[in-house]
Protein backbone atom coordinates (compact mmCIF):
# COMPACT_ATOMS: atom_id res chain seq x y z
CA MET A 1 15.95 -2.38 21.77
CA LEU A 2 18.31 -2.73 18.78
CA LEU A 3 19.33 0.23 16.69
CA SER A 4 19.82 0.09 12.92
CA HIS A 5 23.55 0.51 12.27
CA SER A 6 22.84 1.79 8.77
CA SER A 7 21.10 4.87 10.15
CA LYS A 8 22.65 8.28 10.77
CA LEU A 9 21.11 8.06 14.24
CA TRP A 10 23.93 5.79 15.34
CA LYS A 11 26.45 8.60 14.81
CA ILE A 12 24.30 11.10 16.69
CA ARG A 13 23.98 8.85 19.75
CA ARG A 14 27.78 8.60 20.03
CA MET A 15 28.34 12.36 20.11
CA PRO A 16 29.20 13.98 23.52
CA LEU A 17 26.12 15.33 25.29
CA CYS A 18 27.67 18.76 25.88
CA ARG A 19 28.32 19.12 22.16
CA LEU A 20 24.91 17.78 21.27
CA TYR A 21 23.04 20.43 23.26
CA ASN A 22 25.30 23.39 22.42
CA SER A 23 23.83 24.22 19.03
CA THR A 24 20.44 24.65 17.40
CA ALA A 25 21.43 22.16 14.71
CA SER A 26 22.15 19.60 17.40
CA LYS A 27 18.75 20.19 18.96
CA ASN A 28 17.11 19.69 15.56
CA ALA A 29 19.14 16.51 15.06
CA LEU A 30 18.00 15.24 18.46
CA ALA A 31 14.39 15.98 17.57
CA ALA A 32 14.80 14.14 14.28
CA THR A 33 16.39 11.26 16.18
CA GLN A 34 13.44 10.98 18.52
CA LYS A 35 10.95 11.25 15.65
CA ALA A 36 12.68 8.56 13.63
CA ALA A 37 13.02 6.35 16.68
CA ASP A 38 9.25 6.54 17.18
CA ASN A 39 8.74 5.32 13.61
CA ASP A 40 10.87 2.65 11.97
CA GLU A 41 14.42 3.15 13.21
CA TYR A 42 14.12 0.66 16.07
CA TRP A 43 13.09 -3.00 15.84
CA GLU A 44 12.67 -5.69 18.44
CA THR A 45 14.41 -8.23 16.19
CA PRO A 46 17.37 -7.72 13.85
CA GLN A 47 16.48 -6.79 10.26
CA TYR A 48 18.44 -8.49 7.49
CA PRO A 49 18.29 -7.98 3.71
CA GLU A 50 16.58 -10.59 1.55
CA ILE A 51 18.80 -13.55 0.72
CA LYS A 52 18.84 -13.86 -3.06
CA ASP A 53 19.73 -16.79 -5.26
CA THR A 54 22.99 -15.75 -6.93
CA SER A 55 23.10 -18.66 -9.37
CA PHE A 56 22.62 -18.03 -13.08
CA ALA A 57 19.04 -19.38 -12.99
CA GLY A 58 18.25 -17.31 -9.90
CA ARG A 59 19.54 -14.10 -11.49
CA LYS A 60 17.53 -14.75 -14.65
CA GLN A 61 14.38 -15.26 -12.56
CA ASP A 62 15.00 -11.99 -10.71
CA GLU A 63 15.47 -10.16 -14.01
CA ALA A 64 12.25 -11.62 -15.42
CA ARG A 65 10.32 -10.76 -12.24
CA SER A 66 11.63 -7.19 -12.35
CA TRP A 67 10.62 -6.85 -16.02
CA HIS A 68 7.12 -8.16 -15.29
CA GLU A 69 6.76 -5.60 -12.50
CA GLN A 70 7.83 -2.84 -14.87
CA ILE A 71 5.18 -3.95 -17.40
CA GLN A 72 2.54 -3.94 -14.68
CA LYS A 73 3.50 -0.40 -13.56
CA THR A 74 3.44 1.02 -17.11
CA PRO A 75 0.55 3.53 -17.13
CA THR A 76 -1.40 3.11 -20.41
CA VAL A 77 -2.75 0.25 -22.52
CA GLU A 78 -0.61 0.97 -25.57
CA GLU A 79 2.58 1.53 -23.58
CA LYS A 80 2.18 -1.87 -21.89
CA LEU A 81 2.21 -3.62 -25.26
CA ILE A 82 5.17 -1.52 -26.40
CA LYS A 83 6.97 -2.44 -23.16
CA ILE A 84 6.36 -6.16 -23.80
CA ASN A 85 7.90 -5.81 -27.28
CA MET A 86 10.82 -3.60 -26.19
CA PRO A 87 13.42 -6.42 -25.93
CA ARG A 88 13.06 -7.42 -29.59
CA TYR A 89 13.52 -4.93 -32.44
CA TYR A 90 12.79 -7.63 -35.04
CA GLY A 91 10.05 -9.27 -32.98
CA TYR A 92 9.74 -12.50 -31.03
CA LYS A 93 9.90 -15.98 -32.50
CA VAL A 94 6.23 -16.95 -32.23
CA VAL A 95 4.14 -20.04 -32.95
CA HIS A 96 1.48 -19.13 -35.52
CA MET A 97 -2.03 -20.23 -34.52
CA ASN A 98 -5.25 -19.85 -36.52
CA GLU A 99 -8.28 -21.80 -37.69
CA GLU A 100 -6.53 -22.65 -40.95
CA ARG A 101 -4.13 -25.01 -39.18
CA LEU A 102 -5.68 -27.46 -36.72
CA PRO A 103 -3.45 -30.55 -36.76
CA TYR A 104 -4.49 -34.08 -35.92
CA ASN A 105 -5.09 -34.64 -32.19
CA CYS A 106 -4.56 -30.96 -31.40
CA LEU A 107 -7.14 -30.61 -28.58
CA PRO A 108 -4.72 -31.54 -25.71
CA ALA A 109 -2.15 -29.07 -27.08
CA ILE A 110 -4.72 -26.25 -27.36
CA GLN A 111 -5.94 -26.96 -23.81
CA HIS A 112 -2.34 -26.78 -22.57
CA TYR A 113 -1.58 -23.57 -24.49
CA THR A 114 -4.75 -21.87 -23.18
CA ARG A 115 -4.92 -23.61 -19.77
CA THR A 116 -8.53 -24.58 -20.45
CA HIS A 117 -10.73 -27.19 -18.82
CA PHE A 118 -13.42 -28.33 -21.28
CA GLU A 119 -16.87 -29.73 -20.46
CA PRO A 120 -19.30 -31.13 -23.05
CA MET A 121 -22.88 -29.79 -23.19
CA GLU A 122 -26.06 -31.62 -24.08
CA LYS A 123 -27.53 -31.22 -27.55
CA GLU A 124 -30.95 -30.25 -26.23
CA LEU A 125 -31.61 -27.40 -23.84
CA LYS A 126 -33.90 -27.81 -20.85
CA GLU A 127 -37.57 -27.15 -21.48
CA ASP A 128 -38.28 -23.45 -21.13
CA GLU A 129 -41.74 -22.16 -21.94
CA LYS A 130 -40.54 -18.62 -22.67
CA LEU A 131 -37.74 -19.86 -24.93
CA SER A 132 -40.13 -22.16 -26.78
CA THR A 133 -42.43 -19.19 -27.38
CA TYR A 134 -39.62 -17.26 -29.07
CA VAL A 135 -38.73 -20.32 -31.16
CA ASN A 136 -42.30 -20.58 -32.47
CA LYS A 137 -42.31 -16.85 -33.14
CA MET A 138 -39.02 -16.81 -35.08
CA LYS A 139 -39.08 -20.17 -36.84
CA ASP A 140 -40.91 -19.15 -40.03
CA ARG A 141 -38.77 -16.02 -40.38
CA ILE A 142 -35.53 -17.99 -40.01
CA VAL A 143 -36.65 -20.58 -42.57
CA GLU A 144 -37.49 -17.79 -45.00
CA THR A 145 -34.09 -16.19 -44.28
CA LEU A 146 -32.30 -19.45 -45.08
CA GLU A 147 -34.10 -19.77 -48.40
CA PHE A 148 -33.34 -16.15 -49.28
CA SER A 149 -29.65 -16.62 -48.31
CA TYR A 150 -29.40 -19.71 -50.51
CA ASP A 151 -30.88 -17.79 -53.43
CA VAL A 152 -28.36 -14.93 -52.98
CA TYR A 153 -25.50 -17.44 -52.70
CA SER A 154 -26.59 -19.24 -55.91
CA HIS A 155 -26.43 -16.01 -57.91
CA LYS A 156 -23.00 -15.08 -56.53
CA GLU A 157 -21.73 -18.59 -57.22
CA GLU A 158 -22.82 -18.29 -60.85
CA ASP A 159 -20.98 -14.97 -61.14
CA ASN A 160 -17.76 -16.50 -59.75
CA PRO A 161 -17.47 -20.04 -61.16
CA GLU A 162 -13.72 -20.18 -60.40
CA MET A 163 -14.19 -20.24 -56.62
CA ASP A 164 -12.84 -23.32 -54.88
CA GLU A 165 -14.78 -25.38 -52.32
CA ILE A 166 -13.49 -23.46 -49.29
CA GLU A 167 -14.28 -20.05 -50.80
CA ARG A 168 -17.79 -21.24 -51.64
CA GLU A 169 -18.42 -22.39 -48.08
CA LYS A 170 -17.06 -19.15 -46.63
CA LEU A 171 -19.33 -17.13 -48.91
CA PHE A 172 -22.42 -19.18 -48.04
CA THR A 173 -21.65 -19.04 -44.30
CA GLN A 174 -21.14 -15.25 -44.41
CA ILE A 175 -24.49 -14.70 -46.11
CA VAL A 176 -26.41 -17.06 -43.78
CA VAL A 177 -24.87 -15.69 -40.57
CA GLU A 178 -25.45 -12.04 -41.50
CA GLN A 179 -29.08 -12.66 -42.42
CA ILE A 180 -29.85 -14.81 -39.36
CA HIS A 181 -28.24 -12.23 -37.07
CA ARG A 182 -30.35 -9.48 -38.64
CA GLU A 183 -33.56 -11.43 -38.13
CA LEU A 184 -32.78 -12.45 -34.54
CA ALA A 185 -31.66 -8.95 -33.53
CA ASN A 186 -34.75 -7.32 -35.05
CA GLY A 187 -37.17 -9.95 -33.76
CA LEU A 188 -35.89 -10.07 -30.17
CA ALA A 189 -34.81 -6.45 -29.58
CA GLY A 190 -38.29 -5.43 -28.44
CA ASP A 191 -38.08 -7.70 -25.40
CA PHE A 192 -34.30 -7.53 -24.91
CA PRO A 193 -33.04 -3.91 -25.02
CA HIS A 194 -29.38 -4.92 -24.84
CA LEU A 195 -29.60 -5.97 -28.51
CA HIS A 196 -30.11 -2.28 -29.42
CA GLU A 197 -26.79 -1.46 -27.69
CA VAL A 198 -24.72 -4.23 -29.30
CA GLU A 199 -22.00 -3.15 -31.73
CA VAL A 200 -21.42 -5.47 -34.70
CA ASP A 201 -18.04 -6.09 -36.39
CA TYR A 202 -17.92 -7.75 -39.81
CA ASN A 203 -14.78 -9.86 -40.37
CA PRO A 204 -12.84 -8.05 -37.61
CA ARG A 205 -9.17 -8.55 -36.90
CA HIS A 206 -8.69 -10.76 -33.82
CA GLU A 207 -5.12 -11.27 -32.61
CA ALA A 208 -3.61 -12.37 -29.30
CA PHE A 209 -0.10 -12.85 -27.96
CA TRP A 210 0.88 -14.82 -24.86
CA ALA A 211 3.65 -16.96 -23.36
CA VAL A 212 3.28 -20.65 -22.48
CA GLY A 213 5.68 -22.55 -20.23
CA GLY A 214 6.41 -26.22 -19.67
CA ILE A 215 7.50 -26.96 -23.28
CA GLU A 216 10.58 -28.95 -24.21
CA PRO A 217 13.41 -26.77 -25.58
CA PRO A 218 14.33 -26.99 -29.28
CA LYS A 219 17.49 -28.87 -30.20
CA ASN A 220 19.44 -25.71 -31.07
CA VAL A 221 18.67 -24.26 -27.60
CA VAL A 222 19.81 -27.47 -25.89
CA LYS A 223 23.00 -27.55 -27.96
CA SER A 224 23.72 -23.90 -27.21
CA LYS A 225 23.30 -24.34 -23.45
CA GLU A 226 25.37 -27.52 -23.36
CA GLY A 227 28.27 -25.51 -24.79
CA ARG A 228 28.26 -23.15 -21.82
CA GLU A 229 29.66 -24.32 -18.50
CA TRP A 230 27.18 -22.37 -16.35
CA GLN A 231 24.12 -23.56 -18.32
CA LYS A 232 24.85 -27.14 -19.30
CA ASP A 233 23.12 -28.59 -16.20
CA ASN A 234 19.88 -26.80 -17.15
CA ALA A 235 20.09 -27.41 -20.89
CA LYS A 236 16.97 -29.59 -21.04
CA ASP A 237 14.79 -27.58 -18.65
CA PRO A 238 11.35 -26.58 -20.06
CA VAL A 239 11.19 -23.23 -21.82
CA ASP A 240 8.53 -20.65 -22.65
CA ARG A 241 7.13 -20.43 -26.17
CA PHE A 242 5.33 -17.35 -27.48
CA MET A 243 1.98 -17.93 -29.15
CA GLN A 244 0.46 -15.57 -31.71
CA TYR A 245 -3.15 -16.18 -32.74
CA LYS A 246 -4.68 -14.49 -35.80
CA SER A 247 -8.19 -14.82 -37.13
CA GLU A 248 -11.03 -13.01 -38.87
CA PRO A 249 -14.39 -14.27 -37.57
CA ILE A 250 -17.50 -13.91 -39.68
CA LEU A 251 -19.24 -11.67 -37.18
CA ALA A 252 -18.46 -10.35 -33.68
CA LEU A 253 -20.93 -8.68 -31.33
CA ARG A 254 -19.74 -6.43 -28.48
CA HIS A 255 -21.50 -4.77 -25.55
CA GLN A 256 -20.50 -2.20 -22.92
CA LEU A 257 -21.33 -4.63 -20.07
CA GLN A 258 -19.98 -8.10 -19.27
CA LEU A 259 -21.83 -11.39 -19.37
CA GLN A 260 -22.51 -13.04 -16.05
CA PRO A 261 -19.83 -15.64 -15.13
CA TRP A 262 -21.08 -19.23 -14.99
CA LYS A 263 -18.21 -20.52 -12.83
CA SER A 264 -17.51 -19.25 -9.30
CA GLU A 265 -13.97 -18.61 -8.03
CA ARG A 266 -14.17 -21.70 -5.84
CA GLU A 267 -14.79 -23.78 -8.97
CA TYR A 268 -12.00 -22.40 -11.19
CA ASN A 269 -9.40 -21.64 -8.50
CA ASN A 270 -8.51 -25.26 -7.80
CA LEU A 271 -4.99 -26.70 -8.06
CA THR A 272 -6.34 -30.27 -8.42
CA LEU A 273 -8.46 -29.18 -11.38
CA ALA A 274 -5.49 -27.26 -12.83
CA LYS A 275 -3.35 -30.40 -12.75
CA SER A 276 -6.06 -32.30 -14.64
CA VAL A 277 -5.73 -29.99 -17.68
CA PRO A 278 -3.93 -31.96 -20.44
CA ARG A 279 -0.22 -31.26 -20.91
CA PHE A 280 1.49 -31.14 -24.28
CA GLU A 281 5.18 -30.60 -23.61
CA TYR A 282 6.54 -31.34 -27.09
CA ASP A 283 7.69 -28.66 -29.50
CA PRO A 284 4.59 -27.23 -31.29
CA ARG A 285 6.31 -27.89 -34.62
CA THR A 286 5.90 -31.63 -34.03
CA LEU A 287 2.16 -31.12 -34.59
CA GLY A 288 2.70 -29.08 -37.74
CA TYR A 289 2.58 -25.53 -36.38
CA THR A 290 4.89 -23.03 -38.04
CA THR A 291 7.04 -20.34 -36.43
CA GLY A 292 8.21 -16.89 -37.47
CA HIS A 293 9.42 -13.55 -36.13
CA GLN A 294 7.00 -10.72 -35.41
CA HIS A 295 5.96 -8.29 -32.71
CA GLY A 296 3.38 -9.58 -30.26
CA THR A 297 -0.03 -8.01 -30.95
CA ASN A 298 -3.30 -8.02 -28.98
CA ILE A 299 -6.16 -6.74 -31.14
CA PRO A 300 -9.81 -7.60 -30.34
CA GLY A 301 -11.20 -5.96 -33.49
CA TYR A 302 -11.33 -2.36 -32.25
CA TRP A 303 -9.07 0.36 -30.82
CA PRO A 304 -8.68 0.87 -27.04
CA LYS A 305 -11.05 3.86 -26.77
CA SER A 306 -14.20 1.96 -27.85
CA ALA A 307 -17.06 1.96 -25.31
CA ASN A 308 -18.46 -1.45 -26.31
CA SER A 309 -15.40 -3.45 -25.31
CA PHE A 310 -16.75 -6.73 -23.92
CA GLY A 311 -17.32 -9.72 -26.17
CA PHE A 312 -20.92 -10.95 -26.48
CA ILE A 313 -21.01 -13.42 -29.42
CA SER A 314 -18.53 -14.32 -32.17
CA TYR A 315 -19.26 -16.46 -35.23
CA GLN A 316 -16.38 -18.61 -36.48
CA THR A 317 -16.22 -20.39 -39.84
CA ARG A 318 -15.78 -24.13 -40.37
CA ALA A 319 -14.55 -23.81 -43.95
CA PRO A 320 -10.91 -24.81 -43.24
CA PHE A 321 -12.19 -28.18 -41.96
CA LEU A 322 -12.76 -29.16 -45.57
CA ARG A 323 -8.98 -29.57 -45.84
CA ARG A 324 -8.84 -32.14 -43.04
CA PRO A 325 -8.46 -35.70 -44.33
CA LYS A 326 -11.50 -37.87 -43.68
CA SER A 327 -9.14 -40.56 -42.42
CA TYR A 328 -8.76 -38.58 -39.18
CA GLY A 329 -12.21 -39.84 -38.18
CA LYS A 330 -15.33 -38.27 -36.67
CA GLU A 331 -13.95 -38.13 -33.13
CA ASP A 332 -10.96 -36.06 -34.17
CA GLN A 333 -13.27 -33.84 -36.23
CA LEU A 334 -15.31 -33.10 -33.10
CA ASN A 335 -12.16 -32.49 -31.02
CA ALA A 336 -10.86 -30.10 -33.68
CA LEU A 337 -14.13 -28.15 -33.45
CA HIS A 338 -13.68 -27.87 -29.69
CA ALA A 339 -10.04 -26.79 -30.16
CA HIS A 340 -11.09 -24.16 -32.72
CA ALA A 341 -13.70 -22.71 -30.35
CA ILE A 342 -11.33 -22.77 -27.35
CA GLN A 343 -8.46 -20.97 -29.05
CA SER A 344 -10.65 -18.35 -30.74
CA SER A 345 -12.58 -17.62 -27.52
CA PHE A 346 -9.41 -17.45 -25.41
CA ALA A 347 -7.64 -15.17 -27.91
CA TRP A 348 -10.57 -12.74 -28.20
CA LEU A 349 -10.95 -12.45 -24.42
CA LEU A 350 -7.19 -12.10 -23.92
CA ALA A 351 -7.09 -9.21 -26.41
CA GLN A 352 -10.02 -7.56 -24.60
CA ALA A 353 -8.28 -8.04 -21.24
CA ASN A 354 -5.20 -6.36 -22.71
CA TYR A 355 -7.26 -3.17 -23.18
CA TYR A 356 -8.01 -3.19 -19.44
CA GLY A 357 -4.37 -3.46 -18.40
CA PHE A 358 -3.99 -7.24 -18.15
CA ASN A 359 -1.60 -9.35 -20.21
CA THR A 360 0.34 -12.60 -20.17
CA TYR A 361 2.46 -11.28 -17.26
CA SER A 362 -0.29 -9.44 -15.29
CA GLU A 363 -3.02 -11.64 -13.86
CA LEU A 364 -6.74 -11.03 -14.26
CA THR A 365 -8.54 -9.76 -11.17
CA TYR A 366 -12.02 -10.72 -12.41
CA PRO A 367 -13.36 -13.26 -14.94
CA MET A 368 -14.38 -12.40 -18.51
CA ASN A 369 -16.96 -14.29 -20.57
CA THR A 370 -18.06 -14.71 -24.17
CA GLN A 371 -20.10 -16.99 -26.43
CA THR A 372 -18.75 -18.60 -29.59
CA ILE A 373 -20.64 -20.18 -32.48
CA VAL A 374 -18.80 -22.32 -35.05
CA THR A 375 -20.80 -22.90 -38.23
CA ASN A 376 -20.80 -23.44 -41.99
CA GLY A 377 -24.44 -22.34 -42.38
CA LYS A 378 -25.79 -25.87 -41.98
CA GLN A 379 -23.76 -27.43 -39.16
CA TRP A 380 -23.70 -25.44 -35.90
CA SER A 381 -21.78 -25.79 -32.61
CA PHE A 382 -22.34 -23.56 -29.56
CA TYR A 383 -19.76 -22.72 -26.89
CA GLU A 384 -19.36 -20.64 -23.76
CA TYR A 385 -15.96 -19.56 -22.49
CA GLN A 386 -14.84 -18.01 -19.19
CA LEU A 387 -11.37 -16.46 -18.97
CA ASN A 388 -10.08 -16.70 -15.39
CA THR A 389 -6.30 -16.61 -15.73
CA LEU A 390 -3.58 -15.39 -18.07
CA LEU A 391 -0.54 -16.68 -16.17
CA MET A 392 0.89 -19.79 -17.81
CA HIS A 393 4.51 -18.79 -18.39
CA GLY A 394 7.52 -20.26 -16.58
CA SER A 395 6.72 -21.98 -13.31
CA GLN A 396 3.13 -20.67 -13.43
CA ILE A 397 2.21 -23.57 -15.71
CA ASP A 398 2.66 -25.83 -12.66
CA GLU A 399 1.96 -23.50 -9.74
CA ASN A 400 -1.02 -21.43 -10.91
CA PRO A 401 -4.18 -22.89 -9.30
CA ARG A 402 -6.54 -21.14 -11.74
CA VAL A 403 -7.90 -22.58 -14.98
CA ASN A 404 -10.04 -21.22 -17.80
CA ASN A 405 -13.38 -22.91 -18.45
CA SER A 406 -15.12 -23.86 -21.67
CA ARG A 407 -18.20 -25.88 -22.49
CA GLY A 408 -19.77 -26.71 -25.81
CA THR A 409 -22.21 -28.83 -27.78
CA PRO A 410 -21.46 -31.39 -30.50
CA GLU A 411 -22.25 -30.30 -34.05
CA LEU A 412 -25.97 -29.84 -34.80
CA SER A 413 -27.70 -29.57 -38.18
CA LEU A 414 -29.95 -26.56 -38.65
CA TYR A 415 -31.69 -28.33 -41.53
CA GLN A 416 -31.38 -31.55 -43.51
CA GLU A 417 -31.09 -30.03 -46.98
CA ILE A 418 -32.26 -27.33 -49.36
CA ASP A 419 -34.08 -29.00 -52.23
CA SER A 420 -33.93 -28.19 -55.93
CA ASN A 421 -36.71 -25.62 -55.51
CA GLY A 422 -34.72 -23.74 -52.87
CA LYS A 423 -36.93 -24.86 -49.98
CA VAL A 424 -35.61 -25.86 -46.53
CA VAL A 425 -36.25 -29.49 -45.60
CA GLY A 426 -36.06 -30.89 -42.04
CA PHE A 427 -35.61 -27.70 -39.97
CA ASN A 428 -34.20 -28.36 -36.46
CA ASP A 429 -35.88 -26.35 -33.70
CA GLN A 430 -33.13 -27.21 -31.17
CA VAL A 431 -30.51 -25.24 -33.11
CA LEU A 432 -32.78 -22.19 -33.24
CA LYS A 433 -33.37 -22.59 -29.50
CA HIS A 434 -29.61 -22.50 -28.88
CA LEU A 435 -29.31 -19.40 -31.08
CA ILE A 436 -32.09 -17.56 -29.28
CA ALA A 437 -30.61 -18.55 -25.91
CA CYS A 438 -27.33 -16.90 -26.93
CA TYR A 439 -29.01 -13.65 -27.99
CA THR A 440 -31.33 -13.43 -24.97
CA LYS A 441 -28.50 -13.80 -22.46
CA THR A 442 -28.30 -10.28 -21.03
CA PRO A 443 -24.90 -8.67 -20.24
CA ASN A 444 -25.46 -7.13 -16.80
CA VAL A 445 -22.14 -7.13 -14.90
CA ARG A 446 -21.10 -3.58 -13.96
CA ARG A 447 -17.72 -2.77 -12.42
CA SER A 448 -16.19 0.47 -11.17
CA ASN A 449 -13.29 2.04 -13.08
CA ASP A 450 -10.83 1.11 -10.34
CA GLU A 451 -12.00 -2.50 -10.42
CA LEU A 452 -11.92 -2.68 -14.22
CA THR A 453 -8.41 -1.26 -14.65
CA PRO A 454 -6.34 -1.94 -11.51
CA PHE A 455 -3.03 -1.86 -13.43
CA LEU A 456 -3.69 1.29 -15.47
CA ASP A 457 -2.96 4.85 -14.41
CA LYS A 458 -6.00 6.57 -12.86
CA GLN A 459 -5.55 9.68 -14.99
CA TYR A 460 -3.93 8.42 -18.21
CA LYS A 461 -5.39 5.06 -19.26
CA ARG A 462 -4.82 5.49 -23.02
CA ILE A 463 -2.17 7.44 -24.87
CA ALA A 464 -4.99 9.65 -26.21
CA ASP A 465 -5.36 10.98 -22.65
CA TYR A 466 -1.86 12.53 -22.58
CA PRO A 467 -1.98 16.36 -22.86
CA ASP A 468 1.48 16.48 -24.49
CA ALA A 469 0.82 16.35 -28.23
CA GLU A 470 4.39 15.36 -29.11
CA LYS A 471 4.37 12.42 -26.71
CA ARG A 472 0.91 11.37 -27.84
CA THR A 473 1.89 11.41 -31.52
CA PHE A 474 5.14 9.53 -30.92
CA LEU A 475 3.53 6.71 -28.92
CA GLU A 476 0.62 6.38 -31.34
CA GLN A 477 2.97 6.01 -34.31
CA ILE A 478 5.05 3.39 -32.52
CA PHE A 479 1.97 1.47 -31.36
CA LYS A 480 0.23 1.42 -34.74
CA HIS A 481 3.39 0.57 -36.67
CA MET A 482 4.02 -2.28 -34.24
CA CYS A 483 0.44 -3.57 -34.62
CA SER A 484 0.69 -3.40 -38.41
CA ASN A 485 3.71 -5.77 -38.28
CA ARG A 486 5.12 -4.27 -41.44
CA PRO A 487 8.70 -5.36 -42.16
CA ARG A 488 11.59 -3.10 -41.25
CA HIS A 489 13.13 -0.95 -44.00
CA LEU A 490 16.27 -3.11 -43.87
CA PRO A 491 16.05 -6.91 -44.27
CA LEU A 492 16.59 -9.24 -41.34
CA PRO A 493 20.24 -10.14 -40.66
CA GLU A 494 21.21 -13.36 -42.41
CA ILE A 495 24.27 -15.59 -42.59
CA TYR A 496 24.67 -16.63 -46.22
CA MET A 497 25.61 -20.20 -47.05
CA TRP A 498 29.02 -19.27 -48.49
CA GLU A 499 29.81 -17.35 -45.30
CA LYS A 500 28.93 -20.32 -43.14
CA ILE A 501 31.15 -22.60 -45.25
CA TYR A 502 34.18 -20.35 -45.79
CA LYS A 503 34.09 -18.05 -42.74
CA ILE A 504 32.47 -19.99 -39.89
CA ASP A 505 32.94 -23.72 -40.48
CA ASN A 506 36.29 -23.32 -42.29
CA LYS A 507 38.52 -20.32 -41.54
CA THR A 508 39.65 -19.82 -45.14
CA ARG A 509 39.50 -16.00 -45.39
CA PRO A 510 41.73 -14.71 -42.57
CA LEU A 511 42.87 -11.54 -44.38
CA GLU A 512 39.38 -10.33 -45.29
CA ALA A 513 38.10 -7.33 -43.28
CA LYS A 514 35.70 -8.28 -40.50
CA ARG A 515 32.55 -6.27 -41.18
CA ARG A 516 29.65 -8.72 -40.78
CA PHE A 517 27.70 -8.94 -37.51
CA PHE A 518 28.82 -12.48 -36.69
CA GLU A 519 32.45 -11.45 -37.17
CA LEU A 520 32.02 -8.54 -34.76
CA ASP A 521 30.34 -10.72 -32.11
CA ILE A 522 27.01 -8.88 -32.46
CA ASN A 523 23.73 -10.71 -31.90
CA PRO A 524 21.15 -8.79 -34.01
CA TRP A 525 18.24 -10.57 -32.30
CA LYS A 526 19.12 -8.84 -29.02
CA ARG A 527 18.61 -5.42 -30.56
CA THR A 528 15.91 -3.58 -28.62
CA LEU A 529 13.00 -1.57 -29.99
CA ASP A 530 14.62 1.79 -29.16
CA GLN A 531 18.01 1.04 -30.77
CA TYR A 532 18.08 3.17 -33.91
CA ASP A 533 19.35 6.57 -35.08
CA LYS A 534 17.17 9.34 -33.67
CA GLU A 535 15.46 11.87 -35.93
CA TYR A 536 17.59 14.98 -36.50
CA ILE A 537 15.98 18.42 -36.01
CA PRO A 538 17.27 21.13 -38.39
CA LYS A 539 18.45 24.31 -36.66
CA ALA A 540 15.58 26.38 -38.02
CA GLU A 541 13.00 24.01 -36.55
CA ARG A 542 14.41 23.60 -33.03
CA PRO A 543 11.86 24.79 -30.45
CA GLU A 544 14.55 26.39 -28.23
CA GLY A 545 16.10 28.30 -31.12
CA PRO A 546 18.77 27.65 -33.79
CA LYS A 547 21.61 27.66 -31.24
CA SER A 548 20.03 24.91 -29.16
CA LYS A 549 22.13 21.79 -28.64
CA ASN A 550 19.04 19.55 -28.66
CA LYS A 551 19.71 18.18 -32.12
CA PHE A 552 17.40 15.13 -32.00
CA ARG A 553 13.72 14.69 -31.38
CA LYS A 554 12.65 13.30 -28.02
CA THR A 555 11.60 9.70 -27.67
CA TYR A 556 8.99 8.52 -25.16
CA TYR A 557 9.50 4.79 -24.91
CA PRO A 558 8.08 3.30 -21.68
């Protein structure tokens, strides 16, 4: 048997036996020796420490892995998001994504950014006697609702003649969707009790933040690395880009239970399928996406304490598609619809997953599902989305065997036209059948608290659960200010053009005092979230008394 040389037991074994048994302390040491030897102090084979990669890339990977573990161990929902944003006081450089900007041929890029495998659905659903019964029951009411909605829209249009084409379509879509939802919910709730429990959000705030790997580095990053001896060999390696999605859907329905997954783990946990997902490795700006600095936010339209926290149905507008040139063609129009549905569904589910302790660095332990409808009141497209994975940063873009799944229909017309008398012409029963199928799908997946939130603390899952009022108030202020993304009270650091010309490119002011950040070798973008002057407590207000040396208020950053 081999003895661990790092243990104190080695020293005890080398003591003389007469000395070892002559004192009570020695007897206790011998007992401890025997107890430890029975546990883990002896091994049949030598034990060596882990061999680590000491190269620059290896150290950076170890640092990233350690940070991801710290995020996963952070106890509450809000603190996890604060922890993710801790390295950047002024926020990350993110790629802005929304329905307003869907560039030409963007579907492969959106599939890469969301790691989504897409499958087309048939226009017509399979014959279902029960579903057909509901269609016949609801048809006349939906037709009447459309005519009423058109009448309301006509009056509002007359009152606002200055509205442009996109504003008009948004207004019409909002009216139609709200009225159709009201009729379907009232007409079907008697047979489907889950519609009584659904919570409805009107134009909610949907935001999601995640990291995507496998993207070519920008030119400034390549140039910067080539100027450093220890990085020049890896200057053109793929980098991670941070994505920030923002949207306000027309309507969002939430329930306290999850929808049943339509893909099994064997179907979505497949490395061959993962490698078939399209790759778009070019800089997102080549497609027309813009970038900017902000804190990463995950907001599914409600605060973390809400009971109805699983997405059921969301309605997305098609109004921004009016800006797309017709020269792009019908095929690209259809692909843009799919891309719109994929990114909005993924972002909503990601934000919901964030409230259960998952994020772009902590993998999902169970799938999450939702339904998405993209419409302008007349044209309708129906989608289902299943979120299976959130890991797509760094090497995970190549190694992760999981994919997310989406399926959807082509665009369908609910009616042909509304004539001059305000009557609906050419009503399409298939669209109503799809709508009723969405509402009659019952959320029925129940999970235990431990299964729902494996990465949250068992006692304190939200900051509202903390008994310490000071800590609770501090974290809530930080979290809500971060989610508001209001600018800092001081402007972002900037190198002015005259400084670049006279101080950086040409050293023409050698006698001038060095006070600017670039002269003092300070990188303002590396400032962390907790780097600022703490709040001073006046002597009269110090809890321990006026003579207390605790001059500043406590901070509770994770």
